[in-house]
Amino acid sequence: MANSVGKPGRDCPRCPRLVHFRETWRAKQPDWFNAPVPSFGAVDARLLIVGLAPGLQGANRTGRPFTGDYAGVLLYDTLGRYGFAKGTFDARVDDGLTLTDCRITNAVRCVPPENKPTPAEINTCRDFLKDTVAEMPKLRVIVALGAIAHASVLTTFAAKKSAHPFKHGAHYQLGGFRLFSSYHCSRYNTNTGVLTPDMFRSVFQSVRGYLDTTP
């Protein structure tokens, strides 16, 4: 059940396929986190980053978004470059890394098989994304990592997808919020050249400039 605003309980029962997958991995790896992964960062942050879902051996194992798999290496390095993170990222929850004016969450909180949530699972989990946005009083900017996160954010704000197409580096005004979109910083995207570190950094450079210059 959902415990509090924006936070599914450890044994959230909403998506049967994800529950079964979660229970399977609890049996295989009882020392892993194996539960809906909570958001990372303070609720008074102005920036919210929305990923797709926890990676099996990443956030599902460690309990912190983008921690334990390759995607976090580029993400946290980039956040540090633009003043959104402090400390050294060592892919462990006890590495001492902290976020500055930034929060990270996922469109789907539980790890899905093959890293592919179904449309029904994305829709079911969107309540938690809505609650996460609602509990952030100073939120100004949302960065969506990948097309699915982008679409889920648009649905959260009842915005038309046709008027806000997903494109790397695109940005749109959604009421009082600014949405920036990026290709996901997955190993697949970086290994295939779909996303380069410079492309990724350019998005956060734009975010930094927007927050620093927009009242």
Protein backbone atom coordinates (compact mmCIF):
# COMPACT_ATOMS: atom_id res chain seq x y z
CA MET A 1 0.00 0.00 0.00
CA ALA A 2 1.06 3.62 -0.36
CA ASN A 3 2.43 4.89 2.95
CA SER A 4 2.59 8.64 2.37
CA VAL A 5 2.64 11.28 -0.31
CA GLY A 6 4.69 10.19 -3.30
CA LYS A 7 5.93 7.03 -1.59
CA PRO A 8 4.70 3.53 -2.41
CA GLY A 9 5.15 1.09 0.45
CA ARG A 10 7.84 -1.58 0.37
CA ASP A 11 5.25 -4.18 -0.61
CA CYS A 12 3.18 -2.05 -2.99
CA PRO A 13 0.70 -4.46 -4.61
CA ARG A 14 -0.44 -2.36 -7.58
CA CYS A 15 1.33 -4.14 -10.47
CA PRO A 16 1.13 -7.95 -10.29
CA ARG A 17 3.92 -8.58 -12.81
CA LEU A 18 6.31 -6.27 -10.96
CA VAL A 19 5.30 -7.77 -7.61
CA HIS A 20 6.14 -11.25 -8.91
CA PHE A 21 9.48 -10.05 -10.30
CA ARG A 22 10.28 -8.29 -7.02
CA GLU A 23 9.46 -11.39 -4.96
CA THR A 24 11.57 -13.55 -7.27
CA TRP A 25 14.59 -11.34 -6.73
CA ARG A 26 14.01 -11.09 -2.97
CA ALA A 27 14.35 -14.87 -2.89
CA LYS A 28 17.45 -14.82 -5.12
CA GLN A 29 19.16 -11.84 -3.51
CA PRO A 30 17.77 -11.25 0.00
CA ASP A 31 20.43 -8.64 0.74
CA TRP A 32 19.35 -6.39 -2.14
CA PHE A 33 16.88 -3.52 -1.71
CA ASN A 34 14.24 -5.21 -3.94
CA ALA A 35 11.43 -2.71 -3.35
CA PRO A 36 9.96 0.46 -4.86
CA VAL A 37 12.89 2.88 -4.98
CA PRO A 38 12.25 6.20 -3.22
CA SER A 39 13.11 9.61 -4.61
CA PHE A 40 16.58 10.95 -3.79
CA GLY A 41 17.03 14.57 -2.76
CA ALA A 42 15.20 17.26 -0.82
CA VAL A 43 11.56 18.18 -1.41
CA ASP A 44 12.47 21.89 -1.55
CA ALA A 45 14.66 21.41 -4.66
CA ARG A 46 13.90 23.45 -7.76
CA LEU A 47 15.00 20.65 -10.13
CA LEU A 48 13.38 17.23 -10.47
CA ILE A 49 14.94 14.58 -12.70
CA VAL A 50 12.60 11.81 -13.86
CA GLY A 51 14.11 8.54 -15.07
CA LEU A 52 12.38 5.45 -16.41
CA ALA A 53 12.64 2.74 -13.72
CA PRO A 54 15.20 1.20 -11.37
CA GLY A 55 17.85 -0.99 -12.97
CA LEU A 56 17.93 -4.58 -11.75
CA GLN A 57 21.49 -4.44 -10.44
CA GLY A 58 21.45 -0.68 -9.98
CA ALA A 59 18.80 1.08 -7.93
CA ASN A 60 16.87 -2.14 -7.30
CA ARG A 61 19.99 -3.52 -5.64
CA THR A 62 21.13 -0.39 -3.80
CA GLY A 63 17.90 1.49 -3.10
CA ARG A 64 19.03 4.83 -4.55
CA PRO A 65 18.16 6.07 -8.05
CA PHE A 66 20.91 5.62 -10.64
CA THR A 67 23.25 3.98 -8.13
CA GLY A 68 25.01 0.74 -8.92
CA ASP A 69 24.84 0.75 -12.71
CA TYR A 70 26.50 2.66 -15.53
CA ALA A 71 23.78 5.28 -16.03
CA GLY A 72 24.61 6.88 -12.69
CA VAL A 73 28.24 7.50 -13.62
CA LEU A 74 27.37 10.01 -16.33
CA LEU A 75 24.37 11.43 -14.46
CA TYR A 76 26.10 12.19 -11.16
CA ASP A 77 29.27 13.45 -12.84
CA THR A 78 27.14 15.86 -14.85
CA LEU A 79 25.17 16.98 -11.82
CA GLY A 80 28.42 17.71 -10.02
CA ARG A 81 29.75 19.75 -12.94
CA TYR A 82 26.74 22.08 -12.82
CA GLY A 83 26.40 22.42 -9.06
CA PHE A 84 23.53 20.01 -8.51
CA ALA A 85 25.56 17.44 -6.52
CA LYS A 86 28.37 17.45 -4.00
CA GLY A 87 30.79 14.74 -2.95
CA THR A 88 32.18 11.73 -4.75
CA PHE A 89 29.85 9.29 -6.47
CA ASP A 90 31.04 5.77 -5.70
CA ALA A 91 27.91 3.86 -6.70
CA ARG A 92 27.06 3.12 -3.06
CA VAL A 93 24.31 4.61 -0.93
CA ASP A 94 26.90 5.39 1.76
CA ASP A 95 29.32 7.17 -0.60
CA GLY A 96 28.42 10.53 0.96
CA LEU A 97 27.08 12.03 -2.26
CA THR A 98 24.43 14.70 -1.71
CA LEU A 99 22.22 16.60 -4.13
CA THR A 100 21.98 20.38 -4.21
CA ASP A 101 18.68 21.97 -5.29
CA CYS A 102 17.97 18.71 -7.13
CA ARG A 103 15.83 15.61 -6.66
CA ILE A 104 15.74 12.37 -8.64
CA THR A 105 12.83 9.97 -9.09
CA ASN A 106 11.54 7.44 -11.63
CA ALA A 107 8.37 7.20 -13.68
CA VAL A 108 8.07 3.60 -12.46
CA ARG A 109 9.32 2.88 -8.94
CA CYS A 110 9.80 -0.92 -9.18
CA VAL A 111 12.29 -2.74 -11.38
CA PRO A 112 10.56 -4.23 -14.46
CA PRO A 113 11.68 -7.38 -16.29
CA GLU A 114 14.16 -6.52 -19.07
CA ASN A 115 13.92 -2.88 -17.94
CA LYS A 116 10.66 -2.56 -19.87
CA PRO A 117 7.57 -1.49 -17.91
CA THR A 118 4.23 -1.99 -19.63
CA PRO A 119 1.95 0.95 -20.46
CA ALA A 120 -0.41 -0.20 -17.70
CA GLU A 121 2.44 -0.21 -15.15
CA ILE A 122 3.54 3.26 -16.20
CA ASN A 123 -0.03 4.52 -15.83
CA THR A 124 -0.51 2.81 -12.48
CA CYS A 125 2.67 4.27 -11.01
CA ARG A 126 1.98 7.80 -12.25
CA ASP A 127 0.07 8.63 -9.06
CA PHE A 128 3.40 8.59 -7.24
CA LEU A 129 4.96 10.92 -9.80
CA LYS A 130 2.04 13.31 -9.42
CA ASP A 131 2.43 13.24 -5.64
CA THR A 132 6.17 13.78 -5.91
CA VAL A 133 5.63 16.89 -8.02
CA ALA A 134 2.89 18.11 -5.68
CA GLU A 135 5.07 17.88 -2.57
CA MET A 136 7.85 20.07 -4.06
CA PRO A 137 6.88 23.69 -3.30
CA LYS A 138 9.86 25.29 -5.05
CA LEU A 139 9.90 23.08 -8.16
CA ARG A 140 10.73 25.01 -11.33
CA VAL A 141 12.36 22.57 -13.74
CA ILE A 142 11.79 18.92 -14.64
CA VAL A 143 14.32 16.96 -16.70
CA ALA A 144 12.85 13.85 -18.34
CA LEU A 145 15.36 11.14 -19.23
CA GLY A 146 14.02 9.28 -22.23
CA ALA A 147 10.78 9.23 -24.19
CA ILE A 148 8.78 7.24 -21.64
CA ALA A 149 9.64 9.60 -18.79
CA HIS A 150 8.90 12.54 -21.07
CA ALA A 151 5.46 11.15 -21.94
CA SER A 152 4.67 10.35 -18.31
CA VAL A 153 5.50 13.91 -17.26
CA LEU A 154 3.27 15.29 -20.00
CA THR A 155 0.39 13.07 -18.86
CA THR A 156 0.98 14.18 -15.28
CA PHE A 157 0.38 17.77 -16.40
CA ALA A 158 -2.42 16.85 -18.84
CA ALA A 159 -0.29 18.26 -21.67
CA LYS A 160 -0.74 17.13 -25.28
CA LYS A 161 2.07 14.91 -26.55
CA SER A 162 1.59 16.25 -30.09
CA ALA A 163 2.33 19.78 -28.89
CA HIS A 164 5.36 18.69 -26.85
CA PRO A 165 7.19 16.01 -28.89
CA PHE A 166 10.12 14.21 -27.34
CA LYS A 167 13.45 15.38 -28.68
CA HIS A 168 16.85 15.51 -27.06
CA GLY A 169 17.52 19.05 -25.86
CA ALA A 170 13.94 20.21 -26.32
CA HIS A 171 12.29 22.26 -23.60
CA TYR A 172 8.70 23.29 -23.04
CA GLN A 173 6.70 25.39 -20.61
CA LEU A 174 4.12 23.38 -18.65
CA GLY A 175 2.24 25.91 -16.59
CA GLY A 176 4.68 27.16 -13.98
CA PHE A 177 7.26 24.48 -14.78
CA ARG A 178 9.88 24.11 -17.50
CA LEU A 179 10.35 20.64 -18.99
CA PHE A 180 13.73 19.74 -20.48
CA SER A 181 14.13 16.42 -22.25
CA SER A 182 17.17 14.25 -22.84
CA TYR A 183 17.99 10.85 -24.17
CA HIS A 184 18.37 8.47 -21.25
CA CYS A 185 21.94 8.15 -19.97
CA SER A 186 21.90 4.35 -20.31
CA ARG A 187 24.94 2.32 -21.27
CA TYR A 188 23.17 1.31 -24.48
CA ASN A 189 22.63 4.91 -25.57
CA THR A 190 26.16 5.99 -24.76
CA ASN A 191 27.80 2.88 -26.26
CA THR A 192 25.89 3.29 -29.52
CA GLY A 193 26.55 7.02 -29.75
CA VAL A 194 22.90 7.97 -29.47
CA LEU A 195 23.95 10.07 -26.48
CA THR A 196 27.40 11.52 -25.93
CA PRO A 197 28.58 13.04 -22.65
CA ASP A 198 28.66 16.47 -24.29
CA MET A 199 25.06 16.08 -25.48
CA PHE A 200 23.98 15.12 -22.00
CA ARG A 201 25.91 17.92 -20.33
CA SER A 202 24.43 20.48 -22.69
CA VAL A 203 20.97 19.76 -21.28
CA PHE A 204 22.08 20.44 -17.73
CA GLN A 205 24.06 23.48 -18.81
CA SER A 206 20.76 24.83 -20.16
CA VAL A 207 18.98 23.91 -16.95
CA ARG A 208 21.65 25.65 -14.90
CA GLY A 209 21.34 28.77 -17.04
CA TYR A 210 17.56 28.74 -16.80
CA LEU A 211 17.53 28.45 -13.02
CA ASP A 212 20.23 31.09 -12.62
CA THR A 213 18.55 33.68 -14.85
CA THR A 214 14.80 33.12 -14.49
CA PRO A 215 13.15 34.72 -11.46
